[in-house]
Amino acid sequence: MNASERLRPAVFLDRDGVLNRIVLREGKAASPRAVDELEIEPDAPSTLAALKAAGYLLLVVTNQPDVRRGLMSVETLEALHARLADALPLDEIAACMHDNADGCACRKPKPGLVLDLAERHGVDLGRSWLIGDQDRDVACGKAAGCSTILLGRDYNSGTDTAADQVVETLSQSLAYILRAI
C-alpha cells in the first residue's frame, strides 16, 4: 500500500449557513454570537451521519472574525463549537478568528485551515469535498485541491459560481459526494 492509499477522504464544511442557520442582523446574513442563537440545520445530523458511514472525515473550517472585532469572546466561540460537536458527528472544528486586514493564511478564501487539517488528519484532498455557502468557501476548496459544492442561498451568487455543484440543501450534496466514492 502506498502513502496515497492510506490517506482518507474528507468533507470540509463551512459552519454558518451550512451546519447551522445564519442569523439576520440589520437585514444581513451573520454568524451566531451566542449559544442560544445557534440553530442546527434540520438535515445536518442525517447528512453527516451518512457521510461518516461512507468513510469520510468531517472537518469544519469557519471564519469567525467577530472574535477579532471584539463582538464575541473566544469562550463563546468555544461554547458554540462544543454545542455543534455535541449535536453532529464532527472530527474537528477549526476556526480562523482573524479579520480581513490581518493578512493571515487561514482566513478563507485562503486554504490554510484546510491544508492544516489535511496534514494533521491524513486527508487525500483529491478525493475530498468542501461544502460552503459563499464564494470564498468555493475558492478555498479549489485552492486546496478539493471538489466543491455551493449551497444556494438568497445572499450568495447561486449558480454564478466556480463550484463543481450547486444544491439547495446540505442533504442534496450526498448524491454528488457518494457517487464519487
C-alpha atoms as a PDB file:
ATOM      1  CA  MET A   1       0.000   0.000   0.000  1.00  0.00           C
ATOM      2  CA  ASN A   2       1.441   3.387  -0.967  1.00  0.00           C
ATOM      3  CA  ALA A   3       1.087   6.604   1.004  1.00  0.00           C
ATOM      4  CA  SER A   4      -1.879   7.914  -1.022  1.00  0.00           C
ATOM      5  CA  GLU A   5      -3.845   4.719  -0.319  1.00  0.00           C
ATOM      6  CA  ARG A   6      -3.538   5.394   3.411  1.00  0.00           C
ATOM      7  CA  LEU A   7      -4.894   8.918   3.092  1.00  0.00           C
ATOM      8  CA  ARG A   8      -8.593   9.324   3.826  1.00  0.00           C
ATOM      9  CA  PRO A   9     -11.210  11.395   2.050  1.00  0.00           C
ATOM     10  CA  ALA A  10     -12.830  14.219   3.982  1.00  0.00           C
ATOM     11  CA  VAL A  11     -15.713  16.598   3.670  1.00  0.00           C
ATOM     12  CA  PHE A  12     -14.714  20.076   4.811  1.00  0.00           C
ATOM     13  CA  LEU A  13     -17.762  22.032   5.906  1.00  0.00           C
ATOM     14  CA  ASP A  14     -18.294  25.717   6.404  1.00  0.00           C
ATOM     15  CA  ARG A  15     -20.220  26.358   9.618  1.00  0.00           C
ATOM     16  CA  ASP A  16     -22.691  29.223   9.268  1.00  0.00           C
ATOM     17  CA  GLY A  17     -25.301  28.689   6.564  1.00  0.00           C
ATOM     18  CA  VAL A  18     -24.239  25.048   6.141  1.00  0.00           C
ATOM     19  CA  LEU A  19     -24.361  23.302   9.526  1.00  0.00           C
ATOM     20  CA  ASN A  20     -26.291  25.978  11.369  1.00  0.00           C
ATOM     21  CA  ARG A  21     -28.656  28.668  10.235  1.00  0.00           C
ATOM     22  CA  ILE A  22     -27.398  32.164   9.748  1.00  0.00           C
ATOM     23  CA  VAL A  23     -28.665  35.000  11.923  1.00  0.00           C
ATOM     24  CA  LEU A  24     -30.038  38.175  10.370  1.00  0.00           C
ATOM     25  CA  ARG A  25     -28.584  41.381  11.803  1.00  0.00           C
ATOM     26  CA  GLU A  26     -29.779  44.635  10.282  1.00  0.00           C
ATOM     27  CA  GLY A  27     -31.054  42.637   7.309  1.00  0.00           C
ATOM     28  CA  LYS A  28     -27.690  40.984   6.630  1.00  0.00           C
ATOM     29  CA  ALA A  29     -26.587  37.363   6.987  1.00  0.00           C
ATOM     30  CA  ALA A  30     -24.410  36.980  10.095  1.00  0.00           C
ATOM     31  CA  SER A  31     -22.911  34.361  12.386  1.00  0.00           C
ATOM     32  CA  PRO A  32     -24.446  33.455  15.734  1.00  0.00           C
ATOM     33  CA  ARG A  33     -22.742  35.313  18.585  1.00  0.00           C
ATOM     34  CA  ALA A  34     -24.419  33.443  21.440  1.00  0.00           C
ATOM     35  CA  VAL A  35     -25.178  29.786  22.106  1.00  0.00           C
ATOM     36  CA  ASP A  36     -28.921  30.467  22.141  1.00  0.00           C
ATOM     37  CA  GLU A  37     -28.627  31.810  18.566  1.00  0.00           C
ATOM     38  CA  LEU A  38     -27.164  28.526  17.279  1.00  0.00           C
ATOM     39  CA  GLU A  39     -29.818  26.593  15.352  1.00  0.00           C
ATOM     40  CA  ILE A  40     -28.616  23.398  13.647  1.00  0.00           C
ATOM     41  CA  GLU A  41     -29.824  22.960  10.058  1.00  0.00           C
ATOM     42  CA  PRO A  42     -32.518  20.234  10.149  1.00  0.00           C
ATOM     43  CA  ASP A  43     -30.819  17.976   7.591  1.00  0.00           C
ATOM     44  CA  ALA A  44     -27.309  18.277   9.065  1.00  0.00           C
ATOM     45  CA  PRO A  45     -27.431  15.330  11.522  1.00  0.00           C
ATOM     46  CA  SER A  46     -28.674  12.767   8.987  1.00  0.00           C
ATOM     47  CA  THR A  47     -26.470  14.068   6.168  1.00  0.00           C
ATOM     48  CA  LEU A  48     -23.332  14.000   8.292  1.00  0.00           C
ATOM     49  CA  ALA A  49     -24.203  10.537   9.622  1.00  0.00           C
ATOM     50  CA  ALA A  50     -24.430   9.262   6.021  1.00  0.00           C
ATOM     51  CA  LEU A  51     -21.088  10.850   5.117  1.00  0.00           C
ATOM     52  CA  LYS A  52     -19.472   9.401   8.237  1.00  0.00           C
ATOM     53  CA  ALA A  53     -20.888   5.940   7.411  1.00  0.00           C
ATOM     54  CA  ALA A  54     -19.363   6.237   3.919  1.00  0.00           C
ATOM     55  CA  GLY A  55     -15.926   6.729   5.487  1.00  0.00           C
ATOM     56  CA  TYR A  56     -15.471  10.486   5.232  1.00  0.00           C
ATOM     57  CA  LEU A  57     -13.754  12.561   7.885  1.00  0.00           C
ATOM     58  CA  LEU A  58     -15.931  15.558   8.763  1.00  0.00           C
ATOM     59  CA  LEU A  59     -13.912  18.720   9.318  1.00  0.00           C
ATOM     60  CA  VAL A  60     -15.337  22.194   9.879  1.00  0.00           C
ATOM     61  CA  VAL A  61     -13.492  25.250   8.542  1.00  0.00           C
ATOM     62  CA  THR A  62     -15.021  28.556   9.565  1.00  0.00           C
ATOM     63  CA  ASN A  63     -14.114  32.241   9.518  1.00  0.00           C
ATOM     64  CA  GLN A  64     -15.093  33.846  12.834  1.00  0.00           C
ATOM     65  CA  PRO A  65     -13.825  37.449  12.697  1.00  0.00           C
ATOM     66  CA  ASP A  66     -16.296  38.599  15.355  1.00  0.00           C
ATOM     67  CA  VAL A  67     -13.735  37.413  17.926  1.00  0.00           C
ATOM     68  CA  ARG A  68     -11.046  39.716  16.484  1.00  0.00           C
ATOM     69  CA  ARG A  69     -13.568  42.536  16.160  1.00  0.00           C
ATOM     70  CA  GLY A  70     -14.475  42.247  19.850  1.00  0.00           C
ATOM     71  CA  LEU A  71     -18.083  41.279  19.121  1.00  0.00           C
ATOM     72  CA  MET A  72     -17.743  37.766  20.589  1.00  0.00           C
ATOM     73  CA  SER A  73     -15.376  36.177  23.101  1.00  0.00           C
ATOM     74  CA  VAL A  74     -13.185  33.128  22.485  1.00  0.00           C
ATOM     75  CA  GLU A  75     -15.124  31.430  25.292  1.00  0.00           C
ATOM     76  CA  THR A  76     -18.422  31.996  23.495  1.00  0.00           C
ATOM     77  CA  LEU A  77     -16.946  30.668  20.251  1.00  0.00           C
ATOM     78  CA  GLU A  78     -15.731  27.566  22.101  1.00  0.00           C
ATOM     79  CA  ALA A  79     -19.199  27.105  23.644  1.00  0.00           C
ATOM     80  CA  LEU A  80     -20.817  27.375  20.195  1.00  0.00           C
ATOM     81  CA  HIS A  81     -18.406  24.774  18.835  1.00  0.00           C
ATOM     82  CA  ALA A  82     -18.971  22.467  21.808  1.00  0.00           C
ATOM     83  CA  ARG A  83     -22.715  22.569  21.159  1.00  0.00           C
ATOM     84  CA  LEU A  84     -22.144  21.857  17.462  1.00  0.00           C
ATOM     85  CA  ALA A  85     -19.806  18.960  18.289  1.00  0.00           C
ATOM     86  CA  ASP A  86     -22.377  17.518  20.709  1.00  0.00           C
ATOM     87  CA  ALA A  87     -25.087  17.597  18.035  1.00  0.00           C
ATOM     88  CA  LEU A  88     -23.110  16.418  14.993  1.00  0.00           C
ATOM     89  CA  PRO A  89     -20.552  13.648  14.267  1.00  0.00           C
ATOM     90  CA  LEU A  90     -17.659  16.020  13.567  1.00  0.00           C
ATOM     91  CA  ASP A  91     -13.986  15.065  13.685  1.00  0.00           C
ATOM     92  CA  GLU A  92     -12.703  18.601  14.284  1.00  0.00           C
ATOM     93  CA  ILE A  93     -13.756  22.236  14.120  1.00  0.00           C
ATOM     94  CA  ALA A  94     -11.116  24.766  13.052  1.00  0.00           C
ATOM     95  CA  ALA A  95     -11.770  28.497  13.160  1.00  0.00           C
ATOM     96  CA  CYS A  96      -9.909  31.495  11.798  1.00  0.00           C
ATOM     97  CA  MET A  97     -10.510  34.331  14.243  1.00  0.00           C
ATOM     98  CA  HIS A  98      -8.694  36.945  12.152  1.00  0.00           C
ATOM     99  CA  ASP A  99     -10.216  39.876  10.310  1.00  0.00           C
ATOM    100  CA  ASN A 100      -9.716  40.637   6.608  1.00  0.00           C
ATOM    101  CA  ALA A 101      -6.933  43.148   7.287  1.00  0.00           C
ATOM    102  CA  ASP A 102      -4.837  40.679   9.310  1.00  0.00           C
ATOM    103  CA  GLY A 103      -3.435  39.012   6.181  1.00  0.00           C
ATOM    104  CA  CYS A 104      -3.335  35.513   7.705  1.00  0.00           C
ATOM    105  CA  ALA A 105      -3.089  32.257   5.746  1.00  0.00           C
ATOM    106  CA  CYS A 106      -6.069  30.657   7.497  1.00  0.00           C
ATOM    107  CA  ARG A 107      -8.894  33.036   6.556  1.00  0.00           C
ATOM    108  CA  LYS A 108     -10.947  31.728   3.655  1.00  0.00           C
ATOM    109  CA  PRO A 109     -10.624  32.067   0.682  1.00  0.00           C
ATOM    110  CA  LYS A 110      -7.030  31.150   1.531  1.00  0.00           C
ATOM    111  CA  PRO A 111      -6.710  27.384   2.091  1.00  0.00           C
ATOM    112  CA  GLY A 112      -4.630  27.434   5.290  1.00  0.00           C
ATOM    113  CA  LEU A 113      -7.241  25.835   7.577  1.00  0.00           C
ATOM    114  CA  VAL A 114      -7.979  23.088   5.048  1.00  0.00           C
ATOM    115  CA  LEU A 115      -4.307  22.346   4.410  1.00  0.00           C
ATOM    116  CA  ASP A 116      -3.521  22.232   8.137  1.00  0.00           C
ATOM    117  CA  LEU A 117      -6.399  19.852   8.880  1.00  0.00           C
ATOM    118  CA  ALA A 118      -5.498  17.700   5.868  1.00  0.00           C
ATOM    119  CA  GLU A 119      -1.937  17.297   7.085  1.00  0.00           C
ATOM    120  CA  ARG A 120      -2.925  16.519  10.675  1.00  0.00           C
ATOM    121  CA  HIS A 121      -5.679  14.052   9.742  1.00  0.00           C
ATOM    122  CA  GLY A 122      -4.030  12.364   6.733  1.00  0.00           C
ATOM    123  CA  VAL A 123      -6.551  13.626   4.175  1.00  0.00           C
ATOM    124  CA  ASP A 124      -6.450  12.911   0.443  1.00  0.00           C
ATOM    125  CA  LEU A 125      -7.504  16.328  -0.862  1.00  0.00           C
ATOM    126  CA  GLY A 126      -8.082  14.978  -4.375  1.00  0.00           C
ATOM    127  CA  ARG A 127     -10.838  12.710  -3.020  1.00  0.00           C
ATOM    128  CA  SER A 128     -12.267  15.344  -0.688  1.00  0.00           C
ATOM    129  CA  TRP A 129     -15.005  17.954  -0.873  1.00  0.00           C
ATOM    130  CA  LEU A 130     -15.641  21.389   0.578  1.00  0.00           C
ATOM    131  CA  ILE A 131     -19.241  22.473   1.129  1.00  0.00           C
ATOM    132  CA  GLY A 132     -19.971  26.134   1.722  1.00  0.00           C
ATOM    133  CA  ASP A 133     -22.484  28.896   1.243  1.00  0.00           C
ATOM    134  CA  GLN A 134     -20.139  31.623  -0.011  1.00  0.00           C
ATOM    135  CA  ASP A 135     -17.834  32.053  -2.993  1.00  0.00           C
ATOM    136  CA  ARG A 136     -14.888  32.324  -0.593  1.00  0.00           C
ATOM    137  CA  ASP A 137     -15.633  28.748   0.538  1.00  0.00           C
ATOM    138  CA  VAL A 138     -15.552  27.551  -3.063  1.00  0.00           C
ATOM    139  CA  ALA A 139     -12.297  29.428  -3.715  1.00  0.00           C
ATOM    140  CA  CYS A 140     -10.760  27.892  -0.588  1.00  0.00           C
ATOM    141  CA  GLY A 141     -11.736  24.372  -1.613  1.00  0.00           C
ATOM    142  CA  LYS A 142     -10.430  24.867  -5.144  1.00  0.00           C
ATOM    143  CA  ALA A 143      -7.129  26.283  -3.851  1.00  0.00           C
ATOM    144  CA  ALA A 144      -6.718  23.222  -1.614  1.00  0.00           C
ATOM    145  CA  GLY A 145      -7.468  20.781  -4.446  1.00  0.00           C
ATOM    146  CA  CYS A 146     -10.937  19.668  -3.312  1.00  0.00           C
ATOM    147  CA  SER A 147     -14.161  19.316  -5.253  1.00  0.00           C
ATOM    148  CA  THR A 148     -16.663  21.947  -4.163  1.00  0.00           C
ATOM    149  CA  ILE A 149     -20.365  22.313  -3.516  1.00  0.00           C
ATOM    150  CA  LEU A 150     -22.116  25.650  -3.005  1.00  0.00           C
ATOM    151  CA  LEU A 151     -25.380  25.736  -1.093  1.00  0.00           C
ATOM    152  CA  GLY A 152     -27.578  28.180  -2.981  1.00  0.00           C
ATOM    153  CA  ARG A 153     -28.749  30.933  -0.655  1.00  0.00           C
ATOM    154  CA  ASP A 154     -30.507  34.277  -1.104  1.00  0.00           C
ATOM    155  CA  TYR A 155     -27.303  36.013  -0.003  1.00  0.00           C
ATOM    156  CA  ASN A 156     -24.800  34.350  -2.374  1.00  0.00           C
ATOM    157  CA  SER A 157     -24.049  34.098  -6.080  1.00  0.00           C
ATOM    158  CA  GLY A 158     -26.187  30.993  -6.624  1.00  0.00           C
ATOM    159  CA  THR A 159     -25.471  29.399  -9.980  1.00  0.00           C
ATOM    160  CA  ASP A 160     -22.958  32.096 -10.980  1.00  0.00           C
ATOM    161  CA  THR A 161     -20.101  30.318  -9.240  1.00  0.00           C
ATOM    162  CA  ALA A 162     -16.970  28.267  -9.829  1.00  0.00           C
ATOM    163  CA  ALA A 163     -18.345  25.467  -7.620  1.00  0.00           C
ATOM    164  CA  ASP A 164     -18.436  21.968  -9.069  1.00  0.00           C
ATOM    165  CA  GLN A 165     -22.056  21.629  -7.942  1.00  0.00           C
ATOM    166  CA  VAL A 166     -24.771  23.921  -6.612  1.00  0.00           C
ATOM    167  CA  VAL A 167     -27.513  22.470  -4.396  1.00  0.00           C
ATOM    168  CA  GLU A 168     -30.238  23.958  -2.240  1.00  0.00           C
ATOM    169  CA  THR A 169     -29.821  21.787   0.857  1.00  0.00           C
ATOM    170  CA  LEU A 170     -26.966  20.015   2.592  1.00  0.00           C
ATOM    171  CA  SER A 171     -28.672  16.649   2.092  1.00  0.00           C
ATOM    172  CA  GLN A 172     -28.706  17.180  -1.692  1.00  0.00           C
ATOM    173  CA  SER A 173     -24.898  17.158  -1.625  1.00  0.00           C
ATOM    174  CA  LEU A 174     -24.961  13.445  -0.754  1.00  0.00           C
ATOM    175  CA  ALA A 175     -25.874  12.452  -4.313  1.00  0.00           C
ATOM    176  CA  TYR A 176     -22.678  14.023  -5.669  1.00  0.00           C
ATOM    177  CA  ILE A 177     -20.311  13.033  -2.874  1.00  0.00           C
ATOM    178  CA  LEU A 178     -21.417   9.424  -2.517  1.00  0.00           C
ATOM    179  CA  ARG A 179     -21.375   8.929  -6.294  1.00  0.00           C
ATOM    180  CA  ALA A 180     -17.692   9.932  -6.295  1.00  0.00           C
ATOM    181  CA  ILE A 181     -16.614   7.109  -3.959  1.00  0.00           C
END
